[in-house]
Each structure stands twice: as structure tokens, then as C-alpha cells.
C-alpha atoms as a PDB file:
ATOM      1  CA  MET A   1      42.102 151.031  -5.444  1.00  0.00           C
ATOM      2  CA  SER A   2      44.383 153.001  -3.366  1.00  0.00           C
ATOM      3  CA  THR A   3      42.115 156.392  -3.720  1.00  0.00           C
ATOM      4  CA  GLY A   4      39.372 154.393  -1.916  1.00  0.00           C
ATOM      5  CA  LYS A   5      36.841 155.720  -4.567  1.00  0.00           C
ATOM      6  CA  PRO A   6      34.836 153.815  -7.086  1.00  0.00           C
ATOM      7  CA  TYR A   7      35.832 153.339 -10.727  1.00  0.00           C
ATOM      8  CA  GLU A   8      33.723 152.912 -13.618  1.00  0.00           C
ATOM      9  CA  GLY A   9      35.014 153.056 -17.299  1.00  0.00           C
ATOM     10  CA  GLU A  10      35.935 151.356 -20.561  1.00  0.00           C
ATOM     11  CA  GLU A  11      38.996 148.923 -20.512  1.00  0.00           C
ATOM     12  CA  ARG A  12      40.412 147.227 -23.640  1.00  0.00           C
ATOM     13  CA  GLY A  13      42.874 144.331 -23.453  1.00  0.00           C
ATOM     14  CA  TYR A  14      42.900 140.775 -24.002  1.00  0.00           C
ATOM     15  CA  LEU A  15      41.068 138.036 -22.111  1.00  0.00           C
ATOM     16  CA  ILE A  16      42.265 134.667 -20.600  1.00  0.00           C
ATOM     17  CA  GLU A  17      41.692 133.091 -24.091  1.00  0.00           C
ATOM     18  CA  ASN A  18      43.592 135.697 -25.867  1.00  0.00           C
ATOM     19  CA  ARG A  19      40.709 137.424 -27.423  1.00  0.00           C
ATOM     20  CA  PHE A  20      40.724 141.181 -27.768  1.00  0.00           C
ATOM     21  CA  ALA A  21      37.837 142.361 -25.790  1.00  0.00           C
ATOM     22  CA  ILE A  22      36.452 145.958 -24.871  1.00  0.00           C
ATOM     23  CA  CYS A  23      34.708 145.710 -21.423  1.00  0.00           C
ATOM     24  CA  LEU A  24      32.569 148.379 -19.450  1.00  0.00           C
ATOM     25  CA  SER A  25      33.957 147.942 -15.726  1.00  0.00           C
ATOM     26  CA  THR A  26      32.538 149.027 -12.323  1.00  0.00           C
ATOM     27  CA  LYS A  27      35.037 148.532  -9.646  1.00  0.00           C
ATOM     28  CA  ILE A  28      34.758 149.424  -5.786  1.00  0.00           C
ATOM     29  CA  PRO A  29      36.944 149.118  -2.929  1.00  0.00           C
ATOM     30  CA  LEU A  30      36.283 146.783  -0.013  1.00  0.00           C
ATOM     31  CA  PHE A  31      36.887 148.100   3.363  1.00  0.00           C
ATOM     32  CA  ASP A  32      37.239 146.335   6.705  1.00  0.00           C
ATOM     33  CA  VAL A  33      35.640 147.727   9.957  1.00  0.00           C
ATOM     34  CA  GLU A  34      38.381 149.791  10.409  1.00  0.00           C
ATOM     35  CA  GLY A  35      38.259 151.510   6.964  1.00  0.00           C
ATOM     36  CA  LYS A  36      41.224 149.790   5.570  1.00  0.00           C
ATOM     37  CA  ILE A  37      41.124 148.729   1.908  1.00  0.00           C
ATOM     38  CA  VAL A  38      41.110 145.115   1.819  1.00  0.00           C
ATOM     39  CA  GLY A  39      39.996 144.124  -1.386  1.00  0.00           C
ATOM     40  CA  LEU A  40      38.401 145.075  -4.673  1.00  0.00           C
ATOM     41  CA  LEU A  41      35.018 144.244  -5.839  1.00  0.00           C
ATOM     42  CA  GLY A  42      34.513 144.375  -9.869  1.00  0.00           C
ATOM     43  CA  VAL A  43      32.069 143.734 -12.526  1.00  0.00           C
ATOM     44  CA  SER A  44      32.873 144.047 -16.187  1.00  0.00           C
ATOM     45  CA  PHE A  45      30.630 143.514 -19.129  1.00  0.00           C
ATOM     46  CA  ASP A  46      32.108 142.763 -22.651  1.00  0.00           C
ATOM     47  CA  ILE A  47      30.793 145.292 -25.246  1.00  0.00           C
ATOM     48  CA  THR A  48      33.074 144.387 -27.802  1.00  0.00           C
ATOM     49  CA  ASP A  49      30.276 143.483 -30.320  1.00  0.00           C
ATOM     50  CA  ARG A  50      28.487 146.508 -29.477  1.00  0.00           C
ATOM     51  CA  GLU A  51      31.523 148.707 -29.921  1.00  0.00           C
ATOM     52  CA  ARG A  52      32.284 146.953 -33.140  1.00  0.00           C
ATOM     53  CA  ALA A  53      28.558 147.382 -34.462  1.00  0.00           C
ATOM     54  CA  GLY A  54      28.976 150.984 -33.601  1.00  0.00           C
ATOM     55  CA  GLU A  55      31.964 151.518 -35.964  1.00  0.00           C
ATOM     56  CA  LEU A  56      30.570 149.520 -38.675  1.00  0.00           C
ATOM     57  CA  GLU A  57      27.289 151.739 -38.466  1.00  0.00           C
ATOM     58  CA  LYS A  58      29.472 154.672 -38.681  1.00  0.00           C
ATOM     59  CA  GLN A  59      31.409 153.447 -41.513  1.00  0.00           C
ATOM     60  CA  MET A  60      28.159 152.567 -43.443  1.00  0.00           C
ATOM     61  CA  GLU A  61      27.049 155.858 -42.792  1.00  0.00           C
ATOM     62  CA  LEU A  62      30.291 157.231 -44.193  1.00  0.00           C
ATOM     63  CA  TYR A  63      29.811 155.118 -47.375  1.00  0.00           C
ATOM     64  CA  GLU A  64      26.234 156.405 -47.981  1.00  0.00           C
ATOM     65  CA  VAL A  65      27.342 160.016 -47.501  1.00  0.00           C
ATOM     66  CA  GLU A  66      30.199 159.547 -49.773  1.00  0.00           C
ATOM     67  CA  LYS A  67      27.742 159.247 -52.682  1.00  0.00           C
ATOM     68  CA  MET A  68      27.129 162.837 -51.842  1.00  0.00           C
ATOM     69  CA  ASP A  69      30.097 163.879 -53.742  1.00  0.00           C
ATOM     70  CA  ASP A  70      28.259 162.684 -57.072  1.00  0.00           C
ATOM     71  CA  ILE A  71      25.801 165.612 -56.157  1.00  0.00           C
ATOM     72  CA  CYS A  72      28.437 168.087 -57.867  1.00  0.00           C
ATOM     73  CA  ALA A  73      27.718 167.089 -61.271  1.00  0.00           C
ATOM     74  CA  PRO A  74      23.890 167.718 -61.510  1.00  0.00           C
ATOM     75  CA  ILE A  75      24.457 170.993 -59.637  1.00  0.00           C
ATOM     76  CA  GLN A  76      26.885 171.989 -62.239  1.00  0.00           C
ATOM     77  CA  ALA A  77      24.323 170.814 -65.063  1.00  0.00           C
ATOM     78  CA  LEU A  78      21.614 172.801 -63.346  1.00  0.00           C
ATOM     79  CA  LYS A  79      23.950 175.950 -63.380  1.00  0.00           C
ATOM     80  CA  VAL A  80      24.608 175.549 -66.745  1.00  0.00           C
ATOM     81  CA  VAL A  81      20.627 175.341 -67.418  1.00  0.00           C
ATOM     82  CA  GLU A  82      20.189 178.662 -65.468  1.00  0.00           C
ATOM     83  CA  TYR A  83      22.547 180.399 -67.459  1.00  0.00           C
ATOM     84  CA  VAL A  84      21.128 179.187 -70.921  1.00  0.00           C
ATOM     85  CA  CYS A  85      17.729 179.976 -69.781  1.00  0.00           C
ATOM     86  CA  LYS A  86      18.421 183.388 -68.117  1.00  0.00           C
ATOM     87  CA  ASP A  87      17.617 185.394 -71.052  1.00  0.00           C
ATOM     88  CA  LYS A  88      14.464 183.235 -71.678  1.00  0.00           C
ATOM     89  CA  LEU A  89      12.689 183.327 -68.734  1.00  0.00           C
ATOM     90  CA  ALA A  90      10.940 186.158 -67.056  1.00  0.00           C
ATOM     91  CA  GLU A  91      12.375 187.735 -64.005  1.00  0.00           C
ATOM     92  CA  ARG A  92      10.188 185.982 -61.692  1.00  0.00           C
ATOM     93  CA  GLU A  93      11.184 182.335 -63.105  1.00  0.00           C
ATOM     94  CA  ASN A  94      14.778 183.455 -63.192  1.00  0.00           C
ATOM     95  CA  LYS A  95      14.877 184.324 -59.585  1.00  0.00           C
ATOM     96  CA  MET A  96      13.158 180.805 -58.559  1.00  0.00           C
ATOM     97  CA  LEU A  97      15.611 179.108 -60.645  1.00  0.00           C
ATOM     98  CA  GLU A  98      18.578 180.750 -59.130  1.00  0.00           C
ATOM     99  CA  PHE A  99      17.236 180.694 -55.719  1.00  0.00           C
ATOM    100  CA  SER A 100      16.615 176.721 -56.275  1.00  0.00           C
ATOM    101  CA  VAL A 101      19.988 176.334 -57.972  1.00  0.00           C
ATOM    102  CA  LYS A 102      21.689 178.003 -54.979  1.00  0.00           C
ATOM    103  CA  SER A 103      19.796 176.169 -52.325  1.00  0.00           C
ATOM    104  CA  ILE A 104      20.554 172.817 -53.805  1.00  0.00           C
ATOM    105  CA  LYS A 105      24.430 173.877 -54.092  1.00  0.00           C
ATOM    106  CA  ASP A 106      24.263 174.763 -50.667  1.00  0.00           C
ATOM    107  CA  ILE A 107      22.852 171.617 -49.229  1.00  0.00           C
ATOM    108  CA  GLY A 108      25.517 169.532 -51.315  1.00  0.00           C
ATOM    109  CA  ASP A 109      28.064 171.693 -49.711  1.00  0.00           C
ATOM    110  CA  ARG A 110      27.079 171.155 -46.338  1.00  0.00           C
ATOM    111  CA  LEU A 111      26.511 167.512 -46.953  1.00  0.00           C
ATOM    112  CA  ILE A 112      30.033 166.901 -48.600  1.00  0.00           C
ATOM    113  CA  SER A 113      31.619 169.254 -45.768  1.00  0.00           C
ATOM    114  CA  LYS A 114      30.004 167.001 -42.740  1.00  0.00           C
ATOM    115  CA  TYR A 115      31.006 163.819 -44.796  1.00  0.00           C
ATOM    116  CA  ARG A 116      34.703 164.952 -44.664  1.00  0.00           C
ATOM    117  CA  ARG A 117      34.411 165.963 -41.103  1.00  0.00           C
ATOM    118  CA  MET A 118      32.828 162.739 -40.107  1.00  0.00           C
ATOM    119  CA  LYS A 119      35.374 160.777 -42.271  1.00  0.00           C
ATOM    120  CA  LYS A 120      38.364 162.489 -40.554  1.00  0.00           C
ATOM    121  CA  SER A 121      36.814 161.828 -37.039  1.00  0.00           C
ATOM    122  CA  VAL A 122      36.175 158.267 -37.675  1.00  0.00           C
ATOM    123  CA  TYR A 123      39.593 157.665 -38.844  1.00  0.00           C
ATOM    124  CA  ASN A 124      41.208 159.517 -36.169  1.00  0.00           C
ATOM    125  CA  ASN A 125      39.357 157.709 -33.318  1.00  0.00           C
ATOM    126  CA  THR A 126      39.162 154.179 -34.960  1.00  0.00           C
ATOM    127  CA  SER A 127      41.109 151.722 -33.022  1.00  0.00           C
ATOM    128  CA  HIS A 128      42.858 149.438 -35.364  1.00  0.00           C
ATOM    129  CA  THR A 129      43.150 146.343 -33.105  1.00  0.00           C
ATOM    130  CA  LEU A 130      39.419 145.508 -33.666  1.00  0.00           C
END
């Protein structure tokens, strides 16, 4: 209020009924005719449910992506097939199989890497008070 500038931001705290809430608040100072700050006008919207839903959605996405670790076993099996079939397939088919296995492995590696970054980010940014 002392800056004389509007404020907008997220505020976390306990409401009168002792319930934790996350609010989106806008506050502006009120001036008299001489330009002195004489009060504050503020509006807050409770966004707790929206924030909790967002956190749950992130955790569900992580749960779904977590299953991507299971992709390693089939990729390993494909690599074995590639090795076993190497002498039995024509050069063109070998190259197609090699390219396909490498592509699937790269996709799996990227998904797992993205999952690990997301998981680390969510756990580092999650407030445990919710």
C-alpha cells in the first residue's frame, strides 16, 4: 500500500474458519483529493480447488508416464530379435529393423527422461500444505 501501486498476485494462508486457501488477489490503494493514501480496495478469489485439481492432474500425468519405464523390456527384446535375425535377413530388411529398433529406443529414452524431469519438477514445486 505504501508504494501507491496496484498489487496482483497469489496469496496462501488460512481463512477465518481456519481453512487453508490459495487466493488470487488484486489490491489497489485509495487516494483522497490531496493524493494521500487513505485506504485499500481489494478483491480475492479462492482458487484452492483449481490449484489442487492442477496438482492432481500433474500427478496423474506422472503416473501415466511412469508406465513408460515398462517400455525398456520390449525394446531389449527387439534388440535381441535384431541381433538374431541379422544373418537371416536381406541388407535392406536389416537396415529397416535396425532403424526401427533405434527409433523406438530413442522415443522410450526421451519419454523416460521427460518423466524424470517432470517428476523432479513437481516434487520440488509442490506445496505440502494442500
